[in-house]
C-alpha cells in the first residue's frame, strides 16, 4: 500500500494551485515513511467507513473567461481547486474499485470494461 500511495503522489503534476487546505501538492512529495503510513491509514479508514473528512468534500470553483467580453456561461470555463490529499485518496480508491469490478462482467459484456467497447467485439 505504501508503494500505492507513493506512486499516486509521484504521478501528481508539479506546481499546481492549492485547494481549500492551502497545501501545495509538491509538499506531499516530501513525505517520508511516516507520512505514507498516515496517508495509508486515512485511505483505509475512508474506504472501510465510506466517510470523507469535511475538508475533502469542499471545493472552490473558479470561472475563467474564454472570451474578453464573456456574458454567457458558455463563454467561461471553470477550474476546481480540490485538496491534493483528496485527489490522492480518490486516485487510490478508484484503482481499488476498478480492480474489484474488473472481473465481474463476463468477457462478452461490452461497454462495461476498459478496452471492451462494442467496436472491439469479434465475429459480429
N, C-alpha and C. Protein backbone atom coordinates (compact mmCIF):
# COMPACT_ATOMS: atom_id res chain seq x y z
N UNK A 1 0.82 -1.20 0.00
CA UNK A 1 0.00 0.00 0.00
C UNK A 1 0.86 1.25 0.00
N UNK A 2 1.98 1.21 0.75
CA UNK A 2 2.84 2.39 0.74
C UNK A 2 3.25 2.71 -0.68
N UNK A 3 3.59 1.67 -1.43
CA UNK A 3 4.01 1.92 -2.81
C UNK A 3 2.85 2.47 -3.62
N UNK A 4 1.62 2.05 -3.30
CA UNK A 4 0.44 2.56 -3.99
C UNK A 4 0.27 4.06 -3.71
N UNK A 5 0.44 4.47 -2.45
CA UNK A 5 0.33 5.88 -2.08
C UNK A 5 1.50 6.65 -2.70
N UNK A 6 2.70 6.10 -2.58
CA UNK A 6 3.88 6.76 -3.15
C UNK A 6 3.76 6.93 -4.65
N UNK A 7 3.24 5.93 -5.32
CA UNK A 7 3.08 6.00 -6.77
C UNK A 7 2.09 7.10 -7.14
N UNK A 8 0.97 7.15 -6.43
CA UNK A 8 -0.05 8.17 -6.71
C UNK A 8 0.51 9.57 -6.48
N UNK A 9 1.32 9.73 -5.44
CA UNK A 9 1.91 11.04 -5.15
C UNK A 9 2.92 11.41 -6.24
N UNK A 10 3.74 10.46 -6.67
CA UNK A 10 4.72 10.74 -7.72
C UNK A 10 4.07 11.14 -9.03
N UNK A 11 2.87 10.59 -9.29
CA UNK A 11 2.16 10.88 -10.54
C UNK A 11 1.58 12.29 -10.57
N UNK A 12 1.53 12.96 -9.41
CA UNK A 12 0.98 14.32 -9.36
C UNK A 12 1.86 15.28 -10.16
N UNK A 13 1.22 16.21 -10.83
CA UNK A 13 1.98 17.23 -11.56
C UNK A 13 2.49 18.27 -10.57
N UNK A 14 3.62 18.87 -10.88
CA UNK A 14 4.25 19.86 -10.02
C UNK A 14 3.64 21.25 -10.21
N UNK A 15 3.78 22.05 -9.18
CA UNK A 15 3.42 23.48 -9.22
C UNK A 15 1.96 23.72 -9.56
N UNK A 16 1.07 22.89 -9.00
CA UNK A 16 -0.37 23.09 -9.19
C UNK A 16 -0.91 23.99 -8.09
N UNK A 17 -2.00 24.70 -8.37
CA UNK A 17 -2.63 25.57 -7.39
C UNK A 17 -3.10 24.74 -6.19
N UNK A 18 -3.11 25.36 -5.02
CA UNK A 18 -3.56 24.67 -3.81
C UNK A 18 -5.08 24.64 -3.76
N UNK A 19 -5.60 23.71 -3.01
CA UNK A 19 -7.04 23.63 -2.78
C UNK A 19 -7.40 24.44 -1.55
N UNK A 20 -8.57 24.17 -0.99
CA UNK A 20 -9.02 24.90 0.19
C UNK A 20 -8.12 24.70 1.40
N UNK A 21 -7.32 23.64 1.39
CA UNK A 21 -6.43 23.38 2.53
C UNK A 21 -5.12 24.18 2.46
N UNK A 22 -4.89 24.87 1.35
CA UNK A 22 -3.66 25.66 1.13
C UNK A 22 -2.38 24.84 1.20
N UNK A 23 -2.47 23.54 0.96
CA UNK A 23 -1.28 22.68 0.96
C UNK A 23 -0.88 22.41 -0.49
N UNK A 24 0.30 22.88 -0.90
CA UNK A 24 0.76 22.60 -2.27
C UNK A 24 1.00 21.11 -2.46
N UNK A 25 0.67 20.59 -3.62
CA UNK A 25 0.88 19.18 -3.91
C UNK A 25 2.33 18.78 -3.81
N UNK A 26 3.22 19.73 -4.09
CA UNK A 26 4.66 19.43 -4.04
C UNK A 26 5.09 19.03 -2.63
N UNK A 27 4.39 19.50 -1.60
CA UNK A 27 4.72 19.15 -0.22
C UNK A 27 4.50 17.66 0.01
N UNK A 28 3.47 17.10 -0.60
CA UNK A 28 3.20 15.67 -0.42
C UNK A 28 4.35 14.81 -0.94
N UNK A 29 5.07 15.34 -1.93
CA UNK A 29 6.19 14.59 -2.50
C UNK A 29 7.37 14.49 -1.53
N UNK A 30 7.30 15.26 -0.45
CA UNK A 30 8.36 15.23 0.55
C UNK A 30 8.07 14.24 1.69
N UNK A 31 6.92 13.56 1.61
CA UNK A 31 6.55 12.59 2.64
C UNK A 31 7.63 11.53 2.78
N UNK A 32 7.92 11.21 4.01
CA UNK A 32 8.78 10.07 4.31
C UNK A 32 7.90 8.87 4.62
N UNK A 33 8.50 7.86 5.21
CA UNK A 33 7.77 6.64 5.55
C UNK A 33 6.60 6.92 6.48
N UNK A 34 6.80 7.79 7.48
CA UNK A 34 5.72 8.07 8.43
C UNK A 34 4.56 8.80 7.75
N UNK A 35 4.84 9.69 6.83
CA UNK A 35 3.79 10.38 6.09
C UNK A 35 2.98 9.43 5.23
N UNK A 36 3.66 8.47 4.61
CA UNK A 36 2.97 7.47 3.79
C UNK A 36 2.08 6.58 4.67
N UNK A 37 2.55 6.26 5.88
CA UNK A 37 1.74 5.45 6.80
C UNK A 37 0.46 6.19 7.19
N UNK A 38 0.58 7.48 7.43
CA UNK A 38 -0.59 8.28 7.80
C UNK A 38 -1.59 8.32 6.64
N UNK A 39 -1.08 8.52 5.42
CA UNK A 39 -1.96 8.53 4.25
C UNK A 39 -2.63 7.17 4.08
N UNK A 40 -1.88 6.10 4.29
CA UNK A 40 -2.44 4.75 4.17
C UNK A 40 -3.58 4.56 5.16
N UNK A 41 -3.37 4.99 6.39
CA UNK A 41 -4.40 4.85 7.42
C UNK A 41 -5.64 5.66 7.05
N UNK A 42 -5.44 6.87 6.58
CA UNK A 42 -6.55 7.73 6.16
C UNK A 42 -7.34 7.10 5.02
N UNK A 43 -6.64 6.60 4.02
CA UNK A 43 -7.29 5.99 2.86
C UNK A 43 -8.07 4.75 3.28
N UNK A 44 -7.48 3.92 4.12
CA UNK A 44 -8.17 2.71 4.58
C UNK A 44 -9.41 3.05 5.39
N UNK A 45 -9.34 4.08 6.22
CA UNK A 45 -10.49 4.50 7.01
C UNK A 45 -11.62 4.97 6.10
N UNK A 46 -11.30 5.79 5.11
CA UNK A 46 -12.31 6.26 4.17
C UNK A 46 -12.90 5.08 3.41
N UNK A 47 -12.06 4.17 2.97
CA UNK A 47 -12.50 3.00 2.20
C UNK A 47 -13.44 2.12 3.03
N UNK A 48 -13.09 1.90 4.29
CA UNK A 48 -13.86 1.00 5.15
C UNK A 48 -15.16 1.63 5.65
N UNK A 49 -15.14 2.93 5.97
CA UNK A 49 -16.31 3.57 6.55
C UNK A 49 -17.18 4.28 5.52
N UNK A 50 -16.58 4.68 4.41
CA UNK A 50 -17.32 5.45 3.40
C UNK A 50 -17.49 6.90 3.81
N UNK A 51 -16.87 7.31 4.90
CA UNK A 51 -16.99 8.68 5.38
C UNK A 51 -15.74 9.48 5.03
N UNK A 52 -15.96 10.64 4.40
CA UNK A 52 -14.87 11.50 3.98
C UNK A 52 -14.69 12.65 4.97
N UNK A 53 -13.45 13.05 5.23
CA UNK A 53 -13.23 14.23 6.05
C UNK A 53 -13.89 15.45 5.38
N UNK A 54 -14.46 16.32 6.18
CA UNK A 54 -15.17 17.50 5.66
C UNK A 54 -14.26 18.31 4.72
N UNK A 55 -12.99 18.45 5.07
CA UNK A 55 -12.06 19.22 4.25
C UNK A 55 -11.95 18.67 2.83
N UNK A 56 -12.15 17.37 2.68
CA UNK A 56 -12.01 16.75 1.37
C UNK A 56 -13.25 16.94 0.50
N UNK A 57 -14.34 17.32 1.10
CA UNK A 57 -15.57 17.47 0.34
C UNK A 57 -15.82 18.92 -0.09
N UNK A 58 -14.96 19.81 0.34
CA UNK A 58 -15.10 21.22 -0.03
C UNK A 58 -14.25 21.52 -1.26
N UNK A 59 -14.88 22.20 -2.21
CA UNK A 59 -14.22 22.52 -3.47
C UNK A 59 -14.47 23.99 -3.78
N UNK A 60 -13.45 24.67 -4.24
CA UNK A 60 -13.61 26.05 -4.71
C UNK A 60 -13.65 26.02 -6.22
N UNK A 61 -14.74 26.53 -6.78
CA UNK A 61 -14.90 26.60 -8.24
C UNK A 61 -14.63 28.03 -8.68
N UNK A 62 -13.82 28.17 -9.72
CA UNK A 62 -13.49 29.48 -10.25
C UNK A 62 -13.84 29.52 -11.73
N UNK A 63 -14.62 30.53 -12.11
CA UNK A 63 -14.99 30.71 -13.52
C UNK A 63 -13.94 31.59 -14.19
N UNK A 64 -13.45 31.13 -15.32
CA UNK A 64 -12.47 31.89 -16.11
C UNK A 64 -13.08 32.21 -17.46
N UNK A 65 -12.87 33.45 -17.90
CA UNK A 65 -13.42 33.85 -19.19
C UNK A 65 -12.62 33.23 -20.33
N UNK A 66 -13.35 32.70 -21.33
CA UNK A 66 -12.71 32.21 -22.56
C UNK A 66 -12.55 33.37 -23.53
N UNK A 67 -13.50 34.31 -23.45
CA UNK A 67 -13.53 35.46 -24.34
C UNK A 67 -13.50 36.74 -23.51
N UNK A 68 -12.90 37.81 -24.04
CA UNK A 68 -12.80 39.06 -23.27
C UNK A 68 -14.16 39.62 -22.85
N UNK A 69 -15.16 39.55 -23.69
CA UNK A 69 -16.49 40.11 -23.38
C UNK A 69 -17.47 39.01 -23.00
N UNK A 70 -17.07 38.07 -22.20
CA UNK A 70 -17.89 36.92 -21.83
C UNK A 70 -19.14 37.37 -21.07
N UNK A 71 -20.30 36.94 -21.57
CA UNK A 71 -21.57 37.25 -20.91
C UNK A 71 -22.40 36.00 -20.67
N UNK A 72 -22.15 34.93 -21.41
CA UNK A 72 -22.90 33.69 -21.25
C UNK A 72 -22.02 32.65 -20.55
N UNK A 73 -22.68 31.67 -19.98
CA UNK A 73 -21.95 30.59 -19.30
C UNK A 73 -21.00 29.89 -20.27
N UNK A 74 -21.42 29.72 -21.52
CA UNK A 74 -20.59 29.02 -22.50
C UNK A 74 -19.32 29.81 -22.85
N UNK A 75 -19.27 31.08 -22.45
CA UNK A 75 -18.09 31.91 -22.70
C UNK A 75 -17.06 31.75 -21.58
N UNK A 76 -17.33 30.89 -20.64
CA UNK A 76 -16.44 30.67 -19.50
C UNK A 76 -16.04 29.20 -19.41
N UNK A 77 -14.97 28.95 -18.70
CA UNK A 77 -14.61 27.59 -18.30
C UNK A 77 -14.36 27.66 -16.81
N UNK A 78 -14.41 26.53 -16.15
CA UNK A 78 -14.20 26.53 -14.71
C UNK A 78 -13.03 25.65 -14.33
N UNK A 79 -12.42 26.00 -13.23
CA UNK A 79 -11.42 25.13 -12.63
C UNK A 79 -11.89 24.85 -11.20
N UNK A 80 -11.55 23.70 -10.71
CA UNK A 80 -11.91 23.30 -9.35
C UNK A 80 -10.64 23.17 -8.54
N UNK A 81 -10.61 23.85 -7.41
CA UNK A 81 -9.47 23.74 -6.52
C UNK A 81 -9.84 22.74 -5.42
N UNK A 82 -9.23 21.57 -5.48
CA UNK A 82 -9.51 20.48 -4.56
C UNK A 82 -8.22 20.17 -3.80
N UNK A 83 -8.36 19.81 -2.55
CA UNK A 83 -7.18 19.46 -1.75
C UNK A 83 -6.41 18.33 -2.45
N UNK A 84 -5.09 18.49 -2.55
CA UNK A 84 -4.26 17.49 -3.22
C UNK A 84 -4.34 16.13 -2.52
N UNK A 85 -4.45 16.15 -1.19
CA UNK A 85 -4.56 14.87 -0.49
C UNK A 85 -5.86 14.17 -0.88
N UNK A 86 -6.92 14.93 -1.11
CA UNK A 86 -8.19 14.33 -1.55
C UNK A 86 -8.02 13.72 -2.94
N UNK A 87 -7.25 14.36 -3.80
CA UNK A 87 -7.01 13.82 -5.14
C UNK A 87 -6.28 12.48 -5.06
N UNK A 88 -5.32 12.39 -4.15
CA UNK A 88 -4.57 11.14 -3.96
C UNK A 88 -5.53 10.04 -3.49
N UNK A 89 -6.37 10.37 -2.51
CA UNK A 89 -7.33 9.40 -1.99
C UNK A 89 -8.25 8.92 -3.11
N UNK A 90 -8.77 9.85 -3.90
CA UNK A 90 -9.68 9.49 -4.99
C UNK A 90 -8.97 8.57 -5.99
N UNK A 91 -7.74 8.90 -6.34
CA UNK A 91 -7.00 8.09 -7.30
C UNK A 91 -6.83 6.66 -6.81
N UNK A 92 -6.45 6.50 -5.55
CA UNK A 92 -6.23 5.16 -5.00
C UNK A 92 -7.54 4.40 -4.85
N UNK A 93 -8.58 5.06 -4.36
CA UNK A 93 -9.87 4.39 -4.21
C UNK A 93 -10.43 3.98 -5.57
N UNK A 94 -10.26 4.82 -6.57
CA UNK A 94 -10.72 4.47 -7.93
C UNK A 94 -10.00 3.22 -8.41
N UNK A 95 -8.69 3.14 -8.19
CA UNK A 95 -7.94 1.95 -8.61
C UNK A 95 -8.43 0.70 -7.88
N UNK A 96 -8.69 0.83 -6.59
CA UNK A 96 -9.17 -0.32 -5.81
C UNK A 96 -10.52 -0.80 -6.34
N UNK A 97 -11.42 0.14 -6.57
CA UNK A 97 -12.76 -0.22 -7.04
C UNK A 97 -12.69 -0.83 -8.42
N UNK A 98 -11.87 -0.27 -9.31
CA UNK A 98 -11.73 -0.83 -10.65
C UNK A 98 -11.19 -2.25 -10.60
N UNK A 99 -10.25 -2.52 -9.71
CA UNK A 99 -9.72 -3.88 -9.57
C UNK A 99 -10.81 -4.84 -9.13
N UNK A 100 -11.66 -4.39 -8.20
CA UNK A 100 -12.72 -5.26 -7.68
C UNK A 100 -13.76 -5.58 -8.75
N UNK A 101 -14.10 -4.62 -9.58
CA UNK A 101 -15.17 -4.85 -10.54
C UNK A 101 -14.69 -5.35 -11.89
N UNK A 102 -13.41 -5.38 -12.12
CA UNK A 102 -12.88 -5.78 -13.44
C UNK A 102 -13.33 -7.18 -13.84
N UNK A 103 -13.38 -8.09 -12.90
CA UNK A 103 -13.72 -9.48 -13.22
C UNK A 103 -15.21 -9.79 -13.12
N UNK A 104 -16.02 -8.85 -12.68
CA UNK A 104 -17.45 -9.11 -12.51
C UNK A 104 -18.16 -9.34 -13.85
N UNK A 105 -18.05 -8.39 -14.82
CA UNK A 105 -18.72 -8.66 -16.10
C UNK A 105 -17.99 -9.77 -16.85
N UNK A 106 -18.73 -10.59 -17.56
CA UNK A 106 -18.12 -11.64 -18.35
C UNK A 106 -17.37 -11.07 -19.54
N UNK A 107 -16.57 -11.91 -20.19
CA UNK A 107 -15.77 -11.48 -21.34
C UNK A 107 -16.63 -10.94 -22.49
N UNK A 108 -17.90 -11.39 -22.55
CA UNK A 108 -18.76 -10.95 -23.63
C UNK A 108 -19.58 -9.72 -23.27
N UNK A 109 -19.33 -9.13 -22.10
CA UNK A 109 -20.04 -7.93 -21.69
C UNK A 109 -19.26 -6.70 -22.15
N UNK A 110 -19.75 -6.06 -23.18
CA UNK A 110 -19.07 -4.91 -23.74
C UNK A 110 -19.59 -3.61 -23.12
N UNK A 111 -18.81 -2.57 -23.22
CA UNK A 111 -19.10 -1.23 -22.73
C UNK A 111 -19.05 -1.13 -21.21
N UNK A 112 -18.71 -2.18 -20.50
CA UNK A 112 -18.61 -2.12 -19.05
C UNK A 112 -17.17 -2.27 -18.57
N UNK A 113 -16.25 -2.54 -19.50
CA UNK A 113 -14.86 -2.78 -19.14
C UNK A 113 -13.95 -1.96 -20.02
N UNK A 114 -12.80 -1.58 -19.49
CA UNK A 114 -11.82 -0.84 -20.28
C UNK A 114 -11.36 -1.69 -21.44
N UNK A 115 -11.29 -1.08 -22.62
CA UNK A 115 -10.82 -1.79 -23.81
C UNK A 115 -11.80 -2.82 -24.32
N UNK A 116 -13.02 -2.79 -23.83
CA UNK A 116 -14.02 -3.77 -24.24
C UNK A 116 -15.27 -3.06 -24.80
N UNK A 117 -15.06 -2.07 -25.64
CA UNK A 117 -16.18 -1.40 -26.27
C UNK A 117 -16.79 -2.28 -27.35
N UNK A 118 -17.96 -1.91 -27.81
CA UNK A 118 -18.62 -2.73 -28.83
C UNK A 118 -17.81 -2.79 -30.12
N UNK A 119 -16.96 -1.82 -30.34
CA UNK A 119 -16.07 -1.85 -31.52
C UNK A 119 -15.01 -2.92 -31.43
N UNK A 120 -14.77 -3.45 -30.23
CA UNK A 120 -13.77 -4.49 -30.02
C UNK A 120 -14.35 -5.90 -30.16
N UNK A 121 -15.67 -5.99 -30.37
CA UNK A 121 -16.31 -7.31 -30.47
C UNK A 121 -15.87 -8.01 -31.73
N UNK A 122 -15.62 -9.31 -31.62
CA UNK A 122 -15.20 -10.11 -32.77
C UNK A 122 -16.37 -11.00 -33.21
N UNK A 123 -16.46 -11.19 -34.49
CA UNK A 123 -17.44 -12.13 -35.03
C UNK A 123 -18.85 -11.59 -35.07
N UNK A 124 -19.02 -10.29 -35.00
CA UNK A 124 -20.38 -9.74 -35.07
C UNK A 124 -20.72 -9.34 -36.48
